[in-house]
Amino acid sequence: MNNKGSSIYNILVFSFTDTHTADEVVNELKSSQKLGGYKVVAEAVVIREADGSIHVHEPGEGGKGAAIGAAVGGAIGLLGGPVGVLWLAAAGGALGGVAGHFAGRSIPPDDLKKIGEQLQPNSSAFLALVEDTDAEAVVNSMSGIQANVVTVTLGDELSGTIAQSVEADVTVSAPQANQAATPAASETDKETTKQ
């Protein structure tokens, strides 16, 4: 039986007291590949400007992002898969309103409040959607970074939806992984033959 759909996921929020540190931290994480061994399903950088507006972008996606308003944040969260969950959490926590209403259906209001407290005006944050089994290790791997850290555990229903999305991505890419393994096996056979 396949139990991949039973994973529980956490949102990790690493927040900073300025609008540029989250981007710098993500660049460092990418270059050092510090999070490479962990089950990080989605990442987002959130910047909250002095006027309260929020900008969210996915690291490594060519800067793809958007400014999020209350209604737009709710719609993105409902449609955007695992990254959408992070967008929804950011918008629901910081902006409330319609986004908070949508987010409150998936993420408990008290948890949205914790996220919102981290996203004050003139701040930035790195949000990561991580399998529960790796959450503590990810936090520990970032111990040298001066950030406020909040962990929000998602409920079974939302975690199940995320797990299904992750499983669908893994299933699609699995044949490529098998093809890559075949030449390596051939090389091993050649080495054995030479001896």
N, C-alpha and C. Protein backbone atom coordinates (compact mmCIF):
# COMPACT_ATOMS: atom_id res chain seq x y z
N MET A 1 0.84 -1.21 0.00
CA MET A 1 0.00 0.00 0.00
C MET A 1 0.87 1.25 0.00
N ASN A 2 0.36 2.30 -0.60
CA ASN A 2 1.09 3.55 -0.69
C ASN A 2 0.63 4.48 0.42
N ASN A 3 1.56 4.90 1.30
CA ASN A 3 1.17 5.79 2.39
C ASN A 3 1.76 7.18 2.24
N LYS A 4 2.17 7.55 1.02
CA LYS A 4 2.75 8.88 0.80
C LYS A 4 1.76 9.98 1.14
N GLY A 5 0.46 9.74 0.97
CA GLY A 5 -0.55 10.75 1.22
C GLY A 5 -0.80 11.02 2.69
N SER A 6 -0.10 10.31 3.59
CA SER A 6 -0.37 10.49 5.02
C SER A 6 0.63 11.41 5.70
N SER A 7 1.53 12.03 4.94
CA SER A 7 2.53 12.93 5.54
C SER A 7 1.86 14.17 6.12
N ILE A 8 2.48 14.69 7.17
CA ILE A 8 2.04 15.95 7.76
C ILE A 8 3.08 17.00 7.37
N TYR A 9 2.63 18.21 7.09
CA TYR A 9 3.52 19.28 6.65
C TYR A 9 3.49 20.45 7.62
N ASN A 10 4.61 21.15 7.68
CA ASN A 10 4.75 22.35 8.50
C ASN A 10 5.11 23.53 7.61
N ILE A 11 4.64 24.70 8.01
CA ILE A 11 5.13 25.94 7.41
C ILE A 11 6.15 26.50 8.40
N LEU A 12 7.38 26.69 7.92
CA LEU A 12 8.42 27.32 8.72
C LEU A 12 8.54 28.77 8.26
N VAL A 13 8.48 29.69 9.20
CA VAL A 13 8.59 31.12 8.88
C VAL A 13 9.86 31.65 9.56
N PHE A 14 10.82 32.08 8.73
CA PHE A 14 12.04 32.71 9.22
C PHE A 14 11.91 34.19 8.89
N SER A 15 11.67 35.02 9.91
CA SER A 15 11.39 36.44 9.62
C SER A 15 12.55 37.33 10.05
N PHE A 16 12.66 38.47 9.33
CA PHE A 16 13.76 39.41 9.52
C PHE A 16 13.20 40.82 9.64
N THR A 17 13.94 41.69 10.32
CA THR A 17 13.45 43.04 10.62
C THR A 17 13.78 44.06 9.54
N ASP A 18 14.00 43.60 8.31
CA ASP A 18 14.18 44.51 7.19
C ASP A 18 13.65 43.83 5.93
N THR A 19 13.63 44.57 4.83
CA THR A 19 13.00 44.03 3.62
C THR A 19 13.95 43.29 2.68
N HIS A 20 15.24 43.20 3.01
CA HIS A 20 16.17 42.55 2.08
C HIS A 20 16.84 41.28 2.59
N THR A 21 16.83 41.04 3.89
CA THR A 21 17.58 39.90 4.43
C THR A 21 17.03 38.56 3.97
N ALA A 22 15.73 38.40 3.82
CA ALA A 22 15.18 37.11 3.39
C ALA A 22 15.74 36.71 2.03
N ASP A 23 15.82 37.64 1.09
CA ASP A 23 16.40 37.34 -0.22
C ASP A 23 17.87 36.94 -0.10
N GLU A 24 18.62 37.65 0.74
CA GLU A 24 20.04 37.33 0.94
C GLU A 24 20.20 35.93 1.53
N VAL A 25 19.36 35.59 2.50
CA VAL A 25 19.42 34.27 3.13
C VAL A 25 19.11 33.18 2.11
N VAL A 26 18.10 33.39 1.29
CA VAL A 26 17.74 32.40 0.27
C VAL A 26 18.88 32.22 -0.72
N ASN A 27 19.51 33.32 -1.14
CA ASN A 27 20.65 33.20 -2.06
C ASN A 27 21.77 32.37 -1.43
N GLU A 28 22.03 32.59 -0.15
CA GLU A 28 23.05 31.82 0.56
C GLU A 28 22.65 30.34 0.66
N LEU A 29 21.38 30.08 0.96
CA LEU A 29 20.90 28.70 1.06
C LEU A 29 21.04 27.98 -0.28
N LYS A 30 20.73 28.68 -1.36
CA LYS A 30 20.83 28.08 -2.70
C LYS A 30 22.28 27.77 -3.04
N SER A 31 23.18 28.72 -2.79
CA SER A 31 24.58 28.51 -3.16
C SER A 31 25.25 27.44 -2.29
N SER A 32 24.87 27.34 -1.03
CA SER A 32 25.47 26.34 -0.14
C SER A 32 24.72 25.01 -0.19
N GLN A 33 23.55 25.00 -0.81
CA GLN A 33 22.68 23.82 -0.89
C GLN A 33 22.40 23.25 0.51
N LYS A 34 22.25 24.13 1.47
CA LYS A 34 22.04 23.75 2.86
C LYS A 34 20.75 22.94 3.07
N LEU A 35 19.74 23.20 2.24
CA LEU A 35 18.46 22.50 2.42
C LEU A 35 18.30 21.33 1.46
N GLY A 36 19.36 21.00 0.73
CA GLY A 36 19.29 19.98 -0.30
C GLY A 36 18.82 18.61 0.15
N GLY A 37 19.15 18.19 1.35
CA GLY A 37 18.80 16.84 1.79
C GLY A 37 17.45 16.74 2.47
N TYR A 38 16.72 17.82 2.55
CA TYR A 38 15.45 17.81 3.29
C TYR A 38 14.26 17.85 2.34
N LYS A 39 13.11 17.42 2.86
CA LYS A 39 11.88 17.39 2.05
C LYS A 39 11.18 18.74 2.12
N VAL A 40 11.76 19.72 1.42
CA VAL A 40 11.19 21.06 1.31
C VAL A 40 10.33 21.06 0.04
N VAL A 41 9.02 21.16 0.23
CA VAL A 41 8.07 21.04 -0.87
C VAL A 41 7.92 22.34 -1.64
N ALA A 42 7.96 23.46 -0.93
CA ALA A 42 7.77 24.77 -1.56
C ALA A 42 8.46 25.82 -0.71
N GLU A 43 8.88 26.89 -1.38
CA GLU A 43 9.54 28.01 -0.71
C GLU A 43 8.98 29.32 -1.24
N ALA A 44 8.98 30.32 -0.41
CA ALA A 44 8.57 31.65 -0.85
C ALA A 44 9.29 32.70 -0.01
N VAL A 45 9.59 33.82 -0.65
CA VAL A 45 10.12 34.97 0.07
C VAL A 45 8.99 36.00 0.11
N VAL A 46 8.76 36.51 1.30
CA VAL A 46 7.69 37.50 1.51
C VAL A 46 8.33 38.79 1.97
N ILE A 47 7.97 39.87 1.32
CA ILE A 47 8.44 41.20 1.72
C ILE A 47 7.22 42.04 2.05
N ARG A 48 7.21 42.61 3.23
CA ARG A 48 6.12 43.51 3.61
C ARG A 48 6.70 44.91 3.70
N GLU A 49 6.22 45.76 2.82
CA GLU A 49 6.71 47.14 2.74
C GLU A 49 6.20 47.97 3.92
N ALA A 50 6.76 49.17 4.06
CA ALA A 50 6.36 50.08 5.14
C ALA A 50 4.87 50.41 5.09
N ASP A 51 4.29 50.46 3.86
CA ASP A 51 2.87 50.79 3.73
C ASP A 51 1.97 49.58 3.99
N GLY A 52 2.57 48.43 4.32
CA GLY A 52 1.78 47.23 4.62
C GLY A 52 1.56 46.31 3.44
N SER A 53 1.90 46.76 2.22
CA SER A 53 1.70 45.91 1.06
C SER A 53 2.66 44.72 1.10
N ILE A 54 2.24 43.62 0.51
CA ILE A 54 3.02 42.39 0.55
C ILE A 54 3.41 41.98 -0.86
N HIS A 55 4.66 41.56 -1.01
CA HIS A 55 5.16 41.00 -2.26
C HIS A 55 5.69 39.61 -1.96
N VAL A 56 5.29 38.64 -2.77
CA VAL A 56 5.72 37.26 -2.58
C VAL A 56 6.35 36.76 -3.86
N HIS A 57 7.48 36.08 -3.75
CA HIS A 57 8.04 35.44 -4.93
C HIS A 57 8.66 34.09 -4.54
N GLU A 58 8.71 33.21 -5.53
CA GLU A 58 9.29 31.89 -5.34
C GLU A 58 10.77 31.96 -5.69
N PRO A 59 11.63 31.57 -4.77
CA PRO A 59 13.06 31.55 -5.09
C PRO A 59 13.33 30.57 -6.23
N GLY A 60 14.24 30.94 -7.12
CA GLY A 60 14.61 30.04 -8.19
C GLY A 60 13.63 30.00 -9.34
N GLU A 61 12.62 30.81 -9.30
CA GLU A 61 11.62 30.83 -10.37
C GLU A 61 11.77 32.10 -11.21
N GLY A 62 12.98 32.58 -11.33
CA GLY A 62 13.22 33.77 -12.13
C GLY A 62 12.55 35.01 -11.57
N GLY A 63 12.39 35.05 -10.25
CA GLY A 63 11.78 36.21 -9.63
C GLY A 63 10.27 36.28 -9.82
N LYS A 64 9.68 35.19 -10.32
CA LYS A 64 8.22 35.19 -10.51
C LYS A 64 7.55 35.52 -9.19
N GLY A 65 6.64 36.45 -9.22
CA GLY A 65 5.99 36.82 -7.98
C GLY A 65 4.84 37.77 -8.24
N ALA A 66 4.28 38.26 -7.16
CA ALA A 66 3.14 39.16 -7.29
C ALA A 66 2.96 39.93 -6.00
N ALA A 67 2.38 41.10 -6.15
CA ALA A 67 1.91 41.82 -4.98
C ALA A 67 0.56 41.20 -4.64
N ILE A 68 0.31 41.01 -3.37
CA ILE A 68 -0.91 40.32 -2.98
C ILE A 68 -1.85 41.27 -2.26
N GLY A 69 -3.06 41.36 -2.78
CA GLY A 69 -4.13 42.06 -2.09
C GLY A 69 -4.98 41.03 -1.38
N ALA A 70 -5.88 41.45 -0.53
CA ALA A 70 -6.66 40.52 0.29
C ALA A 70 -7.44 39.51 -0.55
N ALA A 71 -8.18 39.97 -1.56
CA ALA A 71 -8.99 39.05 -2.36
C ALA A 71 -8.11 38.18 -3.25
N VAL A 72 -7.09 38.78 -3.86
CA VAL A 72 -6.20 38.04 -4.75
C VAL A 72 -5.47 36.95 -3.97
N GLY A 73 -5.01 37.27 -2.77
CA GLY A 73 -4.31 36.28 -1.95
C GLY A 73 -5.14 35.04 -1.71
N GLY A 74 -6.42 35.22 -1.44
CA GLY A 74 -7.30 34.07 -1.23
C GLY A 74 -7.42 33.22 -2.47
N ALA A 75 -7.57 33.85 -3.64
CA ALA A 75 -7.72 33.11 -4.88
C ALA A 75 -6.44 32.35 -5.22
N ILE A 76 -5.27 32.99 -5.05
CA ILE A 76 -4.01 32.32 -5.33
C ILE A 76 -3.84 31.11 -4.42
N GLY A 77 -4.15 31.27 -3.16
CA GLY A 77 -3.99 30.17 -2.21
C GLY A 77 -4.85 28.98 -2.55
N LEU A 78 -6.04 29.22 -3.08
CA LEU A 78 -6.92 28.12 -3.43
C LEU A 78 -6.46 27.41 -4.70
N LEU A 79 -5.78 28.12 -5.57
CA LEU A 79 -5.44 27.57 -6.88
C LEU A 79 -3.98 27.20 -7.04
N GLY A 80 -3.10 27.64 -6.16
CA GLY A 80 -1.68 27.57 -6.43
C GLY A 80 -0.91 26.37 -5.94
N GLY A 81 -1.53 25.30 -5.46
CA GLY A 81 -0.78 24.13 -5.00
C GLY A 81 0.02 24.46 -3.75
N PRO A 82 1.12 23.70 -3.52
CA PRO A 82 1.91 23.91 -2.30
C PRO A 82 2.44 25.34 -2.14
N VAL A 83 2.91 25.96 -3.23
CA VAL A 83 3.38 27.34 -3.10
C VAL A 83 2.21 28.25 -2.76
N GLY A 84 1.04 27.96 -3.32
CA GLY A 84 -0.15 28.74 -3.00
C GLY A 84 -0.49 28.71 -1.53
N VAL A 85 -0.20 27.60 -0.87
CA VAL A 85 -0.44 27.51 0.58
C VAL A 85 0.42 28.54 1.31
N LEU A 86 1.68 28.69 0.88
CA LEU A 86 2.55 29.69 1.50
C LEU A 86 2.06 31.09 1.21
N TRP A 87 1.63 31.34 -0.03
CA TRP A 87 1.11 32.66 -0.40
C TRP A 87 -0.12 32.98 0.45
N LEU A 88 -0.99 31.99 0.58
CA LEU A 88 -2.22 32.17 1.35
C LEU A 88 -1.90 32.43 2.82
N ALA A 89 -0.94 31.69 3.36
CA ALA A 89 -0.57 31.88 4.76
C ALA A 89 -0.03 33.29 4.98
N ALA A 90 0.80 33.77 4.06
CA ALA A 90 1.36 35.12 4.18
C ALA A 90 0.26 36.17 4.09
N ALA A 91 -0.59 36.05 3.09
CA ALA A 91 -1.67 37.03 2.91
C ALA A 91 -2.68 36.95 4.04
N GLY A 92 -3.05 35.73 4.41
CA GLY A 92 -4.03 35.56 5.48
C GLY A 92 -3.52 36.05 6.82
N GLY A 93 -2.22 35.82 7.07
CA GLY A 93 -1.65 36.24 8.34
C GLY A 93 -1.45 37.74 8.42
N ALA A 94 -0.95 38.33 7.34
CA ALA A 94 -0.59 39.74 7.39
C ALA A 94 -1.73 40.67 7.01
N LEU A 95 -2.56 40.25 6.06
CA LEU A 95 -3.59 41.16 5.56
C LEU A 95 -4.97 40.90 6.14
N GLY A 96 -5.22 39.65 6.54
CA GLY A 96 -6.55 39.34 7.04
C GLY A 96 -7.58 39.49 5.95
N GLY A 97 -8.73 40.06 6.26
CA GLY A 97 -9.78 40.30 5.27
C GLY A 97 -10.19 39.03 4.55
N VAL A 98 -10.42 39.13 3.26
CA VAL A 98 -10.87 37.99 2.46
C VAL A 98 -9.82 36.88 2.48
N ALA A 99 -8.53 37.26 2.36
CA ALA A 99 -7.48 36.25 2.38
C ALA A 99 -7.49 35.49 3.71
N GLY A 100 -7.69 36.22 4.79
CA GLY A 100 -7.77 35.58 6.10
C GLY A 100 -8.94 34.64 6.20
N HIS A 101 -10.05 35.00 5.58
CA HIS A 101 -11.23 34.15 5.57
C HIS A 101 -10.93 32.84 4.83
N PHE A 102 -10.33 32.95 3.63
CA PHE A 102 -9.97 31.75 2.87
C PHE A 102 -8.93 30.93 3.62
N ALA A 103 -7.91 31.60 4.12
CA ALA A 103 -6.82 30.90 4.81
C ALA A 103 -7.32 30.23 6.07
N GLY A 104 -8.26 30.87 6.78
CA GLY A 104 -8.79 30.33 8.02
C GLY A 104 -9.52 29.01 7.84
N ARG A 105 -9.93 28.71 6.62
CA ARG A 105 -10.55 27.41 6.34
C ARG A 105 -9.52 26.29 6.33
N SER A 106 -8.26 26.63 5.97
CA SER A 106 -7.21 25.63 5.85
C SER A 106 -6.20 25.68 6.99
N ILE A 107 -5.92 26.87 7.47
CA ILE A 107 -4.93 27.07 8.51
C ILE A 107 -5.64 27.74 9.69
N PRO A 108 -5.55 27.17 10.89
CA PRO A 108 -6.27 27.75 12.03
C PRO A 108 -5.95 29.23 12.23
N PRO A 109 -6.97 30.03 12.56
CA PRO A 109 -6.77 31.47 12.75
C PRO A 109 -5.65 31.82 13.73
N ASP A 110 -5.48 31.03 14.79
CA ASP A 110 -4.40 31.32 15.75
C ASP A 110 -3.03 31.19 15.09
N ASP A 111 -2.90 30.19 14.19
CA ASP A 111 -1.64 30.01 13.47
C ASP A 111 -1.42 31.14 12.47
N LEU A 112 -2.50 31.58 11.81
CA LEU A 112 -2.37 32.73 10.89
C LEU A 112 -1.92 33.97 11.67
N LYS A 113 -2.41 34.11 12.89
CA LYS A 113 -2.02 35.25 13.72
C LYS A 113 -0.52 35.19 14.01
N LYS A 114 0.00 33.98 14.32
CA LYS A 114 1.44 33.82 14.57
C LYS A 114 2.25 34.24 13.35
N ILE A 115 1.79 33.83 12.17
CA ILE A 115 2.49 34.18 10.93
C ILE A 115 2.42 35.69 10.72
N GLY A 116 1.24 36.27 10.91
CA GLY A 116 1.06 37.71 10.74
C GLY A 116 1.95 38.52 11.66
N GLU A 117 2.15 38.04 12.90
CA GLU A 117 3.02 38.75 13.85
C GLU A 117 4.46 38.80 13.35
N GLN A 118 4.86 37.83 12.54
CA GLN A 118 6.21 37.80 11.99
C GLN A 118 6.36 38.71 10.76
N LEU A 119 5.25 39.06 10.14
CA LEU A 119 5.27 39.84 8.90
C LEU A 119 4.82 41.28 9.15
N GLN A 120 5.57 41.97 9.99
CA GLN A 120 5.28 43.36 10.30
C GLN A 120 5.72 44.25 9.13
N PRO A 121 5.17 45.48 9.03
CA PRO A 121 5.66 46.40 7.99
C PRO A 121 7.18 46.58 8.11
N ASN A 122 7.83 46.73 6.95
CA ASN A 122 9.29 46.85 6.85
C ASN A 122 10.01 45.57 7.28
N SER A 123 9.50 44.43 6.86
CA SER A 123 10.13 43.17 7.20
C SER A 123 10.14 42.24 5.99
N SER A 124 10.87 41.15 6.15
CA SER A 124 10.87 40.12 5.11
C SER A 124 10.90 38.77 5.81
N ALA A 125 10.54 37.73 5.06
CA ALA A 125 10.53 36.38 5.63
C ALA A 125 10.78 35.36 4.54
N PHE A 126 11.39 34.27 4.96
CA PHE A 126 11.55 33.09 4.11
C PHE A 126 10.58 32.07 4.67
N LEU A 127 9.64 31.61 3.83
CA LEU A 127 8.69 30.60 4.24
C LEU A 127 9.02 29.31 3.51
N ALA A 128 9.00 28.20 4.23
CA ALA A 128 9.26 26.90 3.63
C ALA A 128 8.17 25.94 4.06
N LEU A 129 7.65 25.19 3.10
CA LEU A 129 6.68 24.13 3.37
C LEU A 129 7.48 22.84 3.42
N VAL A 130 7.53 22.22 4.60
CA VAL A 130 8.45 21.12 4.86
C VAL A 130 7.70 19.94 5.46
N GLU A 131 8.10 18.73 5.08
CA GLU A 131 7.54 17.55 5.71
C GLU A 131 7.87 17.60 7.19
N ASP A 132 6.91 17.22 8.03
CA ASP A 132 7.05 17.30 9.48
C ASP A 132 8.32 16.61 9.98
N THR A 133 8.67 15.48 9.36
CA THR A 133 9.84 14.72 9.82
C THR A 133 11.15 15.49 9.62
N ASP A 134 11.17 16.48 8.73
CA ASP A 134 12.38 17.25 8.47
C ASP A 134 12.34 18.66 9.07
N ALA A 135 11.23 19.07 9.64
CA ALA A 135 11.08 20.46 10.09
C ALA A 135 12.14 20.86 11.11
N GLU A 136 12.35 20.05 12.13
CA GLU A 136 13.32 20.39 13.17
C GLU A 136 14.73 20.46 12.59
N ALA A 137 15.07 19.53 11.69
CA ALA A 137 16.40 19.52 11.07
C ALA A 137 16.62 20.77 10.22
N VAL A 138 15.58 21.20 9.50
CA VAL A 138 15.71 22.42 8.69
C VAL A 138 15.95 23.62 9.60
N VAL A 139 15.20 23.73 10.68
CA VAL A 139 15.39 24.84 11.63
C VAL A 139 16.81 24.79 12.19
N ASN A 140 17.28 23.60 12.57
CA ASN A 140 18.63 23.46 13.11
C ASN A 140 19.70 23.81 12.09
N SER A 141 19.47 23.48 10.82
CA SER A 141 20.46 23.77 9.78
C SER A 141 20.60 25.27 9.54
N MET A 142 19.62 26.03 9.97
CA MET A 142 19.66 27.48 9.78
C MET A 142 19.97 28.21 11.09
N SER A 143 20.59 27.50 12.03
CA SER A 143 20.83 28.07 13.36
C SER A 143 21.74 29.28 13.34
N GLY A 144 22.63 29.43 12.35
CA GLY A 144 23.52 30.58 12.30
C GLY A 144 22.86 31.84 11.77
N ILE A 145 21.63 31.72 11.33
CA ILE A 145 20.91 32.86 10.74
C ILE A 145 20.11 33.56 11.83
N GLN A 146 20.27 34.87 11.92
CA GLN A 146 19.56 35.65 12.93
C GLN A 146 18.13 35.92 12.47
N ALA A 147 17.22 35.03 12.83
CA ALA A 147 15.82 35.17 12.41
C ALA A 147 14.90 34.79 13.55
N ASN A 148 13.70 35.35 13.53
CA ASN A 148 12.64 34.84 14.39
C ASN A 148 12.03 33.67 13.64
N VAL A 149 11.82 32.55 14.33
CA VAL A 149 11.32 31.35 13.68
C VAL A 149 9.98 30.95 14.29
N VAL A 150 9.01 30.69 13.41
CA VAL A 150 7.71 30.19 13.82
C VAL A 150 7.42 28.94 13.01
N THR A 151 6.92 27.91 13.68
CA THR A 151 6.53 26.67 13.00
C THR A 151 5.03 26.50 13.14
N VAL A 152 4.36 26.28 12.01
CA VAL A 152 2.92 26.03 12.00
C VAL A 152 2.70 24.66 11.39
N THR A 153 2.06 23.77 12.16
CA THR A 153 1.76 22.43 11.65
C THR A 153 0.40 22.45 10.99
N LEU A 154 0.36 21.97 9.74
CA LEU A 154 -0.89 21.95 8.99
C LEU A 154 -1.70 20.72 9.35
N GLY A 155 -3.01 20.85 9.25
CA GLY A 155 -3.90 19.76 9.58
C GLY A 155 -3.86 18.64 8.56
N ASP A 156 -4.50 17.53 8.91
CA ASP A 156 -4.50 16.32 8.07
C ASP A 156 -5.04 16.58 6.67
N GLU A 157 -6.15 17.33 6.57
CA GLU A 157 -6.78 17.52 5.27
C GLU A 157 -5.88 18.31 4.32
N LEU A 158 -5.34 19.44 4.79
CA LEU A 158 -4.47 20.25 3.95
C LEU A 158 -3.17 19.50 3.66
N SER A 159 -2.62 18.81 4.66
CA SER A 159 -1.41 18.02 4.45
C SER A 159 -1.65 16.93 3.42
N GLY A 160 -2.81 16.30 3.46
CA GLY A 160 -3.15 15.26 2.48
C GLY A 160 -3.20 15.81 1.07
N THR A 161 -3.77 17.01 0.91
CA THR A 161 -3.84 17.66 -0.40
C THR A 161 -2.43 17.95 -0.91
N ILE A 162 -1.58 18.46 -0.03
CA ILE A 162 -0.19 18.75 -0.42
C ILE A 162 0.53 17.46 -0.80
N ALA A 163 0.35 16.42 -0.01
CA ALA A 163 1.02 15.14 -0.29
C ALA A 163 0.60 14.59 -1.65
N GLN A 164 -0.67 14.73 -2.00
CA GLN A 164 -1.14 14.27 -3.31
C GLN A 164 -0.47 15.07 -4.42
N SER A 165 -0.33 16.36 -4.23
CA SER A 165 0.33 17.21 -5.22
C SER A 165 1.80 16.82 -5.37
N VAL A 166 2.47 16.58 -4.25
CA VAL A 166 3.88 16.18 -4.27
C VAL A 166 4.02 14.82 -4.95
N GLU A 167 3.14 13.90 -4.62
CA GLU A 167 3.19 12.56 -5.21
C GLU A 167 2.99 12.63 -6.73
N ALA A 168 2.10 13.49 -7.18
CA ALA A 168 1.86 13.65 -8.62
C ALA A 168 3.12 14.15 -9.31
N ASP A 169 3.84 15.10 -8.68
CA ASP A 169 5.09 15.60 -9.25
C ASP A 169 6.15 14.51 -9.29
N VAL A 170 6.25 13.70 -8.25
CA VAL A 170 7.23 12.63 -8.19
C VAL A 170 6.93 11.58 -9.25
N THR A 171 5.66 11.26 -9.42
CA THR A 171 5.26 10.26 -10.40
C THR A 171 5.63 10.70 -11.81
N VAL A 172 5.43 11.96 -12.12
CA VAL A 172 5.72 12.48 -13.45
C VAL A 172 7.22 12.42 -13.72
N SER A 173 8.05 12.73 -12.72
CA SER A 173 9.49 12.78 -12.96
C SER A 173 10.19 11.44 -12.76
N ALA A 174 9.51 10.44 -12.26
CA ALA A 174 10.14 9.15 -11.98
C ALA A 174 10.78 8.49 -13.20
N PRO A 175 10.16 8.48 -14.40
CA PRO A 175 10.82 7.84 -15.54
C PRO A 175 12.17 8.46 -15.88
N GLN A 176 12.30 9.77 -15.72
CA GLN A 176 13.57 10.42 -15.99
C GLN A 176 14.64 9.92 -15.03
N ALA A 177 14.28 9.72 -13.78
CA ALA A 177 15.23 9.24 -12.79
C ALA A 177 15.69 7.82 -13.17
N ASN A 178 14.77 6.98 -13.63
CA ASN A 178 15.13 5.62 -14.02
C ASN A 178 16.06 5.64 -15.23
N GLN A 179 15.80 6.53 -16.18
CA GLN A 179 16.65 6.62 -17.36
C GLN A 179 18.06 7.06 -16.95
N ALA A 180 18.16 7.96 -16.01
CA ALA A 180 19.46 8.44 -15.57
C ALA A 180 20.23 7.32 -14.87
N ALA A 181 19.52 6.43 -14.20
CA ALA A 181 20.18 5.36 -13.46
C ALA A 181 20.73 4.29 -14.40
N THR A 182 20.14 4.11 -15.56
CA THR A 182 20.56 3.06 -16.48
C THR A 182 22.00 3.23 -16.95
N PRO A 183 22.44 4.41 -17.43
CA PRO A 183 23.84 4.54 -17.85
C PRO A 183 24.81 4.29 -16.70
N ALA A 184 24.45 4.70 -15.50
CA ALA A 184 25.34 4.48 -14.36
C ALA A 184 25.53 2.99 -14.13
N ALA A 185 24.47 2.22 -14.28
CA ALA A 185 24.57 0.76 -14.11
C ALA A 185 25.47 0.19 -15.20
N SER A 186 25.36 0.71 -16.40
CA SER A 186 26.20 0.24 -17.51
C SER A 186 27.67 0.51 -17.22
N GLU A 187 27.98 1.70 -16.66
CA GLU A 187 29.36 2.03 -16.32
C GLU A 187 29.91 1.05 -15.29
N THR A 188 29.08 0.71 -14.30
CA THR A 188 29.49 -0.23 -13.27
C THR A 188 29.80 -1.59 -13.92
N ASP A 189 28.95 -2.03 -14.85
CA ASP A 189 29.17 -3.29 -15.54
C ASP A 189 30.50 -3.27 -16.29
N LYS A 190 30.82 -2.14 -16.94
CA LYS A 190 32.07 -2.02 -17.68
C LYS A 190 33.28 -2.15 -16.74
N GLU A 191 33.18 -1.50 -15.56
CA GLU A 191 34.28 -1.59 -14.60
C GLU A 191 34.48 -3.03 -14.16
N THR A 192 33.40 -3.75 -13.92
CA THR A 192 33.48 -5.13 -13.49
C THR A 192 34.12 -5.98 -14.58
N THR A 193 33.78 -5.73 -15.83
CA THR A 193 34.31 -6.48 -16.95
C THR A 193 35.80 -6.27 -17.11
N LYS A 194 36.31 -5.03 -16.86
CA LYS A 194 37.72 -4.72 -17.02
C LYS A 194 38.59 -5.47 -16.03
N GLN A 195 38.05 -5.76 -14.86
CA GLN A 195 38.86 -6.41 -13.81
C GLN A 195 39.08 -7.81 -14.13
